[in-house]
Amino acid sequence: RRAARRRRRRTCCCRRKSRRRAGCTCSRMAAAGCLLAAVAVACASVALACSEQSLTYYVDAVHGSDENVGDADSPMRTVAHAVAVATAHDGTCNGTVVLRPGLHIEGEAVRVEAARGTASRVLSVRGTGPRQTTLYGSFEFVVPSEDDGGGGGGGAREFWLFVLSGFTQYPALSGASDRANNVRVDAPHSAGGYGATLRVRGVELHDAQRAAVNASGAVLVDMYDTRVTNSLVGVSMSGGRLSLGTTRIDTMGYAALVANASSVQLTDLTVDASLYGVMAYANAKVFLTNAYVNTTRSALTCTNTAAIDVGLGTVVAALPAAAASAAAA
């Protein structure tokens, strides 16, 4: 009986304070394995909790500092720094950047180059309203293809949702390339389908030298309650999908320029004082419903197997030459 008790004590010594005794039969390797397993479970719990929440960072251009942690009581100063921190986590956390009322000036474009992974991510930048929050700074969202770094080709590409809401935006004040667009999104096509969605709500976009919104590749653009003024092109799409509604576009060139099998749905759209309305080419498909297009040259133009479907409630009001071009299209 005494021998049996000794064997039982040696077997369960890892669960007792005496596990370091020389007679303990549990190996240090086994103990280390138990510790690593516990750490893995803890890390998994942290990642799960992170994926279920949105980390929020506040930006105050007057009273903030990029040395601060970014909470409501200790805001950051620049949008670029807040966005960098919000997207610098381990691939599971969503990030929200809140712009305090006032004027925010960025020296160059705010660029987000998304890391590849398997989790969906959300980055939201929001102000307190177009009349209260003004941003001088462009956004560039780039989602790499499956073959661009991050572990080689063949893996699942991360799906990103970029949300912009509640502010007035002008391009960055630096070089010409940063002033070309208010927002640029690039997500190459792959077997995994669309790689990014841009959602714009309650934003005024002004003064882009090229396009207010420039999207290429596997991008879904969803714009509502938005105003675009004084840009060469309102929305430029190449190969993606655009849904645009309750929006007013006043441009110096095209209201919408779509190409390369893009699919475009325009609803409750007002186009005024533009040289051209909608230009579709290279297999693009455009559907207009309840739209008002007032141009000085060509209201609707399609070439190279493109198609424009004009639905109910659409009004084309243009100069005679423009109306004739619309009728021919």
Protein backbone atom coordinates (compact mmCIF):
# COMPACT_ATOMS: atom_id res chain seq x y z
CA ARG A 1 0.00 0.00 0.00
CA ARG A 2 2.83 2.41 0.80
CA ALA A 3 4.41 1.68 -2.63
CA ALA A 4 1.10 2.35 -4.40
CA ARG A 5 0.73 5.68 -2.62
CA ARG A 6 4.26 6.67 -3.69
CA ARG A 7 3.44 5.85 -7.32
CA ARG A 8 0.28 7.96 -7.18
CA ARG A 9 2.20 10.89 -5.68
CA ARG A 10 4.79 10.70 -8.45
CA THR A 11 2.10 10.54 -11.19
CA CYS A 12 0.25 13.65 -10.06
CA CYS A 13 3.28 15.64 -8.96
CA CYS A 14 2.83 18.15 -11.83
CA ARG A 15 -0.34 19.37 -10.15
CA ARG A 16 1.32 19.84 -6.78
CA LYS A 17 3.83 22.21 -5.30
CA SER A 18 6.25 19.32 -5.02
CA ARG A 19 6.60 18.93 -8.82
CA ARG A 20 10.21 20.14 -8.65
CA ARG A 21 11.22 17.24 -6.40
CA ALA A 22 13.78 14.90 -7.80
CA GLY A 23 11.33 12.02 -7.66
CA CYS A 24 8.76 13.68 -9.91
CA THR A 25 8.07 11.58 -13.01
CA CYS A 26 6.64 14.51 -15.12
CA SER A 27 9.22 15.83 -17.56
CA ARG A 28 10.01 19.50 -18.00
CA MET A 29 9.13 19.12 -21.68
CA ALA A 30 5.60 18.07 -20.76
CA ALA A 31 5.26 20.99 -18.38
CA ALA A 32 6.48 23.38 -21.08
CA GLY A 33 3.98 21.89 -23.50
CA CYS A 34 1.16 22.52 -21.03
CA LEU A 35 2.31 26.12 -20.62
CA LEU A 36 2.44 26.74 -24.39
CA ALA A 37 -1.03 25.29 -24.80
CA ALA A 38 -2.37 27.61 -22.14
CA VAL A 39 -0.72 30.60 -23.83
CA ALA A 40 -2.20 29.59 -27.21
CA VAL A 41 -5.70 29.41 -25.71
CA ALA A 42 -5.24 32.85 -24.12
CA CYS A 43 -4.01 34.36 -27.41
CA ALA A 44 -6.96 32.86 -29.27
CA SER A 45 -9.33 34.41 -26.75
CA VAL A 46 -7.69 37.84 -27.20
CA ALA A 47 -7.91 37.57 -31.00
CA LEU A 48 -11.58 36.59 -30.80
CA ALA A 49 -12.37 39.52 -28.54
CA CYS A 50 -10.44 41.86 -30.85
CA SER A 51 -12.35 40.72 -33.92
CA GLU A 52 -15.64 41.49 -32.20
CA GLN A 53 -14.87 45.11 -31.34
CA SER A 54 -13.84 48.29 -33.08
CA LEU A 55 -10.87 50.18 -31.71
CA THR A 56 -11.73 53.90 -31.78
CA TYR A 57 -9.19 56.71 -32.07
CA TYR A 58 -10.01 60.41 -31.84
CA VAL A 59 -8.27 63.18 -33.81
CA ASP A 60 -8.16 66.80 -32.68
CA ALA A 61 -6.06 69.02 -34.95
CA VAL A 62 -5.81 71.78 -32.33
CA HIS A 63 -5.56 70.12 -28.94
CA GLY A 64 -4.33 66.65 -29.94
CA SER A 65 -0.88 65.09 -30.13
CA ASP A 66 0.38 62.03 -31.98
CA GLU A 67 2.08 61.03 -28.74
CA ASN A 68 -1.32 60.49 -27.13
CA VAL A 69 -3.13 57.18 -26.93
CA GLY A 70 -6.03 58.46 -29.02
CA ASP A 71 -8.98 58.06 -26.67
CA ALA A 72 -11.64 60.74 -26.16
CA ASP A 73 -9.66 62.43 -23.38
CA SER A 74 -6.27 62.14 -25.10
CA PRO A 75 -6.80 62.55 -28.88
CA MET A 76 -4.21 62.31 -31.63
CA ARG A 77 -3.36 65.23 -33.88
CA THR A 78 -3.16 63.87 -37.45
CA VAL A 79 -5.46 61.64 -39.45
CA ALA A 80 -2.53 59.77 -40.98
CA HIS A 81 -1.18 58.72 -37.59
CA ALA A 82 -4.59 57.64 -36.32
CA VAL A 83 -5.25 55.58 -39.45
CA ALA A 84 -1.80 53.98 -39.20
CA VAL A 85 -2.45 52.95 -35.60
CA ALA A 86 -5.98 51.76 -36.38
CA THR A 87 -4.71 49.44 -39.13
CA ALA A 88 -1.51 48.26 -37.43
CA HIS A 89 -3.03 45.45 -35.40
CA ASP A 90 -2.69 41.73 -35.92
CA GLY A 91 -5.20 41.44 -38.74
CA THR A 92 -8.34 40.92 -36.68
CA CYS A 93 -9.22 44.35 -35.23
CA ASN A 94 -11.54 46.84 -36.88
CA GLY A 95 -10.60 50.49 -36.54
CA THR A 96 -12.60 53.72 -36.30
CA VAL A 97 -11.07 57.19 -36.60
CA VAL A 98 -13.26 60.03 -35.33
CA LEU A 99 -12.47 63.55 -36.54
CA ARG A 100 -13.33 66.28 -34.08
CA PRO A 101 -15.05 69.41 -35.51
CA GLY A 102 -12.75 71.89 -37.20
CA LEU A 103 -10.09 71.96 -39.92
CA HIS A 104 -7.75 68.99 -40.41
CA ILE A 105 -4.80 69.48 -42.78
CA GLU A 106 -2.65 66.53 -43.90
CA GLY A 107 0.67 67.20 -45.62
CA GLU A 108 0.24 64.26 -48.00
CA ALA A 109 -2.19 61.51 -48.91
CA VAL A 110 -3.30 59.13 -46.16
CA ARG A 111 -2.31 55.73 -47.52
CA VAL A 112 -3.54 52.35 -46.31
CA GLU A 113 -1.83 49.35 -47.86
CA ALA A 114 -3.84 46.44 -46.58
CA ALA A 115 -2.02 43.39 -45.30
CA ARG A 116 -3.13 40.05 -46.69
CA GLY A 117 -4.93 37.61 -44.44
CA THR A 118 -8.12 35.64 -44.04
CA ALA A 119 -10.14 37.94 -41.76
CA SER A 120 -12.47 40.71 -42.88
CA ARG A 121 -11.43 44.16 -41.75
CA VAL A 122 -13.25 47.47 -41.40
CA LEU A 123 -11.66 50.93 -41.34
CA SER A 124 -14.06 53.80 -40.68
CA VAL A 125 -13.18 57.51 -40.81
CA ARG A 126 -16.03 59.76 -39.72
CA GLY A 127 -16.58 63.39 -38.84
CA THR A 128 -19.38 65.27 -37.18
CA GLY A 129 -20.94 66.53 -40.42
CA PRO A 130 -19.85 68.18 -43.70
CA ARG A 131 -20.51 71.65 -42.30
CA GLN A 132 -18.54 71.01 -39.12
CA THR A 133 -15.54 68.87 -40.10
CA THR A 134 -13.25 69.69 -43.03
CA LEU A 135 -10.30 67.57 -44.15
CA TYR A 136 -7.53 68.58 -46.55
CA GLY A 137 -6.10 65.17 -47.34
CA SER A 138 -6.61 62.39 -49.88
CA PHE A 139 -7.14 58.71 -49.11
CA GLU A 140 -5.42 55.85 -50.91
CA PHE A 141 -6.63 52.33 -50.12
CA VAL A 142 -4.62 49.56 -51.74
CA VAL A 143 -5.39 45.86 -51.33
CA PRO A 144 -2.60 43.72 -52.87
CA SER A 145 -3.25 40.74 -55.10
CA GLU A 146 -2.86 37.20 -53.81
CA ASP A 147 0.64 37.01 -55.27
CA ASP A 148 1.93 40.21 -53.68
CA GLY A 149 3.92 39.33 -50.60
CA GLY A 150 2.45 38.26 -47.29
CA GLY A 151 3.15 34.57 -47.59
CA GLY A 152 3.08 33.88 -51.32
CA GLY A 153 0.30 33.20 -53.77
CA GLY A 154 -2.67 30.94 -53.36
CA GLY A 155 -3.86 32.18 -49.98
CA ALA A 156 -7.16 33.86 -49.27
CA ARG A 157 -7.03 37.61 -49.68
CA GLU A 158 -8.30 39.85 -46.97
CA PHE A 159 -11.60 41.62 -47.60
CA TRP A 160 -11.62 45.28 -46.55
CA LEU A 161 -14.49 47.65 -45.96
CA PHE A 162 -13.53 51.33 -46.00
CA VAL A 163 -16.20 53.70 -44.65
CA LEU A 164 -16.06 57.50 -44.99
CA SER A 165 -18.81 59.64 -43.49
CA GLY A 166 -19.69 63.05 -42.13
CA PHE A 167 -17.07 65.52 -43.41
CA THR A 168 -16.04 67.81 -46.25
CA GLN A 169 -12.89 66.75 -48.07
CA TYR A 170 -10.36 68.41 -50.34
CA PRO A 171 -7.27 66.69 -51.79
CA ALA A 172 -3.96 66.86 -49.97
CA LEU A 173 -1.95 70.05 -50.27
CA SER A 174 1.29 68.38 -51.36
CA GLY A 175 2.37 67.01 -54.76
CA ALA A 176 0.25 66.75 -57.89
CA SER A 177 -0.23 63.00 -57.46
CA ASP A 178 -1.79 63.52 -54.03
CA ARG A 179 -4.17 66.14 -55.46
CA ALA A 180 -5.33 63.89 -58.31
CA ASN A 181 -8.14 62.17 -56.35
CA ASN A 182 -10.10 62.63 -53.18
CA VAL A 183 -10.26 58.86 -52.71
CA ARG A 184 -8.48 56.11 -54.62
CA VAL A 185 -9.13 52.39 -54.14
CA ASP A 186 -7.22 49.63 -55.88
CA ALA A 187 -7.97 45.92 -55.37
CA PRO A 188 -6.88 43.60 -58.21
CA HIS A 189 -9.20 40.84 -59.38
CA SER A 190 -8.60 37.26 -58.30
CA ALA A 191 -10.40 33.97 -57.88
CA GLY A 192 -11.61 35.24 -54.52
CA GLY A 193 -13.80 37.91 -56.15
CA TYR A 194 -14.02 41.44 -54.77
CA GLY A 195 -11.31 42.49 -52.37
CA ALA A 196 -12.53 45.85 -51.09
CA THR A 197 -15.67 47.93 -50.60
CA LEU A 198 -15.73 51.72 -50.34
CA ARG A 199 -18.79 53.09 -48.58
CA VAL A 200 -19.31 56.89 -48.65
CA ARG A 201 -22.11 58.52 -46.67
CA GLY A 202 -22.79 62.22 -46.11
CA VAL A 203 -19.47 63.44 -47.54
CA GLU A 204 -18.72 66.43 -49.77
CA LEU A 205 -15.79 65.90 -52.16
CA HIS A 206 -14.20 68.95 -53.81
CA ASP A 207 -11.46 70.05 -56.22
CA ALA A 208 -9.88 66.76 -57.35
CA GLN A 209 -7.64 67.32 -60.36
CA ARG A 210 -8.57 63.92 -61.78
CA ALA A 211 -11.47 62.09 -60.08
CA ALA A 212 -13.22 62.56 -56.76
CA VAL A 213 -13.45 58.76 -56.45
CA ASN A 214 -11.11 56.59 -58.53
CA ALA A 215 -11.64 52.84 -58.18
CA SER A 216 -9.91 50.11 -60.17
CA GLY A 217 -10.07 46.34 -60.00
CA ALA A 218 -12.20 44.26 -57.65
CA VAL A 219 -13.81 47.19 -55.83
CA LEU A 220 -17.41 47.78 -54.79
CA VAL A 221 -18.21 51.50 -54.44
CA ASP A 222 -21.35 52.42 -52.52
CA MET A 223 -22.06 56.19 -52.41
CA TYR A 224 -25.16 57.86 -51.01
CA ASP A 225 -26.01 61.36 -49.77
CA THR A 226 -22.78 62.62 -51.33
CA ARG A 227 -21.88 65.78 -53.24
CA VAL A 228 -19.03 66.13 -55.73
CA THR A 229 -17.98 69.54 -57.03
CA ASN A 230 -15.22 71.11 -59.12
CA SER A 231 -13.48 67.87 -60.11
CA LEU A 232 -12.51 66.73 -63.58
CA VAL A 233 -14.42 63.45 -63.11
CA GLY A 234 -16.96 62.64 -60.44
CA VAL A 235 -16.52 58.85 -60.23
CA SER A 236 -14.11 56.79 -62.32
CA MET A 237 -14.65 53.01 -62.30
CA SER A 238 -12.58 50.34 -64.01
CA GLY A 239 -13.73 46.78 -63.59
CA GLY A 240 -15.66 47.17 -60.34
CA ARG A 241 -19.22 47.84 -59.30
CA LEU A 242 -20.75 51.21 -58.46
CA SER A 243 -23.98 51.95 -56.64
CA LEU A 244 -24.68 55.65 -56.40
CA GLY A 245 -27.81 57.34 -55.09
CA THR A 246 -29.16 60.62 -53.71
CA THR A 247 -26.01 62.28 -54.95
CA ARG A 248 -25.25 65.53 -56.77
CA ILE A 249 -22.27 65.81 -59.11
CA ASP A 250 -21.06 69.12 -60.53
CA THR A 251 -17.83 68.55 -62.44
CA MET A 252 -15.65 70.16 -65.09
CA GLY A 253 -15.65 67.01 -67.20
CA TYR A 254 -17.49 63.70 -66.74
CA ALA A 255 -19.93 62.96 -63.95
CA ALA A 256 -19.19 59.22 -64.25
CA LEU A 257 -16.57 57.48 -66.36
CA VAL A 258 -16.92 53.68 -66.35
CA ALA A 259 -15.07 50.98 -68.25
CA ASN A 260 -13.84 47.38 -68.37
CA ALA A 261 -17.01 45.45 -67.55
CA SER A 262 -17.97 47.73 -64.70
CA SER A 263 -21.53 47.47 -63.43
CA VAL A 264 -23.07 50.80 -62.43
CA GLN A 265 -26.42 51.56 -60.79
CA LEU A 266 -27.29 55.27 -60.63
CA THR A 267 -30.42 56.22 -58.66
CA ASP A 268 -31.66 59.65 -57.61
CA LEU A 269 -28.61 61.19 -59.26
CA THR A 270 -28.38 64.87 -60.17
CA VAL A 271 -25.73 65.91 -62.70
CA ASP A 272 -25.50 69.62 -63.39
CA ALA A 273 -23.07 71.99 -65.12
CA SER A 274 -20.87 69.14 -66.42
CA LEU A 275 -19.44 69.00 -69.93
CA TYR A 276 -20.38 65.32 -70.12
CA GLY A 277 -22.80 63.14 -68.20
CA VAL A 278 -22.08 59.41 -68.21
CA MET A 279 -19.39 57.86 -70.41
CA ALA A 280 -19.37 54.06 -70.66
CA TYR A 281 -17.03 51.93 -72.72
CA ALA A 282 -15.34 48.51 -72.92
CA ASN A 283 -18.28 46.28 -71.87
CA ALA A 284 -19.46 48.56 -69.07
CA LYS A 285 -23.13 48.37 -68.07
CA VAL A 286 -24.92 51.43 -66.67
CA PHE A 287 -28.48 51.59 -65.28
CA LEU A 288 -30.08 54.98 -64.58
CA THR A 289 -33.26 55.37 -62.55
CA ASN A 290 -34.85 58.64 -61.49
CA ALA A 291 -31.79 60.62 -62.61
CA TYR A 292 -31.51 64.21 -63.81
CA VAL A 293 -28.64 64.85 -66.23
CA ASN A 294 -27.99 68.42 -67.36
CA THR A 295 -24.88 68.82 -69.51
CA THR A 296 -23.47 71.15 -72.15
CA ARG A 297 -22.04 68.57 -74.56
CA SER A 298 -22.93 64.88 -74.27
CA ALA A 299 -25.36 63.59 -71.67
CA LEU A 300 -24.98 59.83 -72.24
CA THR A 301 -22.25 58.24 -74.33
CA CYS A 302 -21.38 54.56 -74.78
CA THR A 303 -18.80 52.93 -77.03
CA ASN A 304 -17.04 49.57 -77.49
CA THR A 305 -19.96 47.24 -76.59
CA ALA A 306 -20.96 49.27 -73.54
CA ALA A 307 -24.63 49.74 -72.68
CA ILE A 308 -26.66 52.44 -70.89
CA ASP A 309 -30.16 51.55 -69.71
CA VAL A 310 -32.29 54.63 -69.02
CA GLY A 311 -35.11 53.77 -66.61
CA LEU A 312 -38.21 55.51 -65.35
CA GLY A 313 -37.96 58.99 -63.93
CA THR A 314 -34.78 59.91 -65.81
CA VAL A 315 -34.61 63.37 -67.36
CA VAL A 316 -31.94 64.51 -69.82
CA ALA A 317 -31.81 68.29 -70.07
CA ALA A 318 -29.01 69.54 -72.29
CA LEU A 319 -28.09 71.83 -75.15
CA PRO A 320 -29.28 70.64 -78.58
CA ALA A 321 -25.96 69.03 -79.52
CA ALA A 322 -25.84 67.15 -76.24
CA ALA A 323 -29.40 65.97 -76.55
CA ALA A 324 -28.70 64.62 -80.04
CA SER A 325 -25.71 62.70 -78.72
CA ALA A 326 -27.85 61.26 -75.92
CA ALA A 327 -30.52 60.19 -78.42
CA ALA A 328 -27.92 58.49 -80.59
CA ALA A 329 -26.50 56.66 -77.57
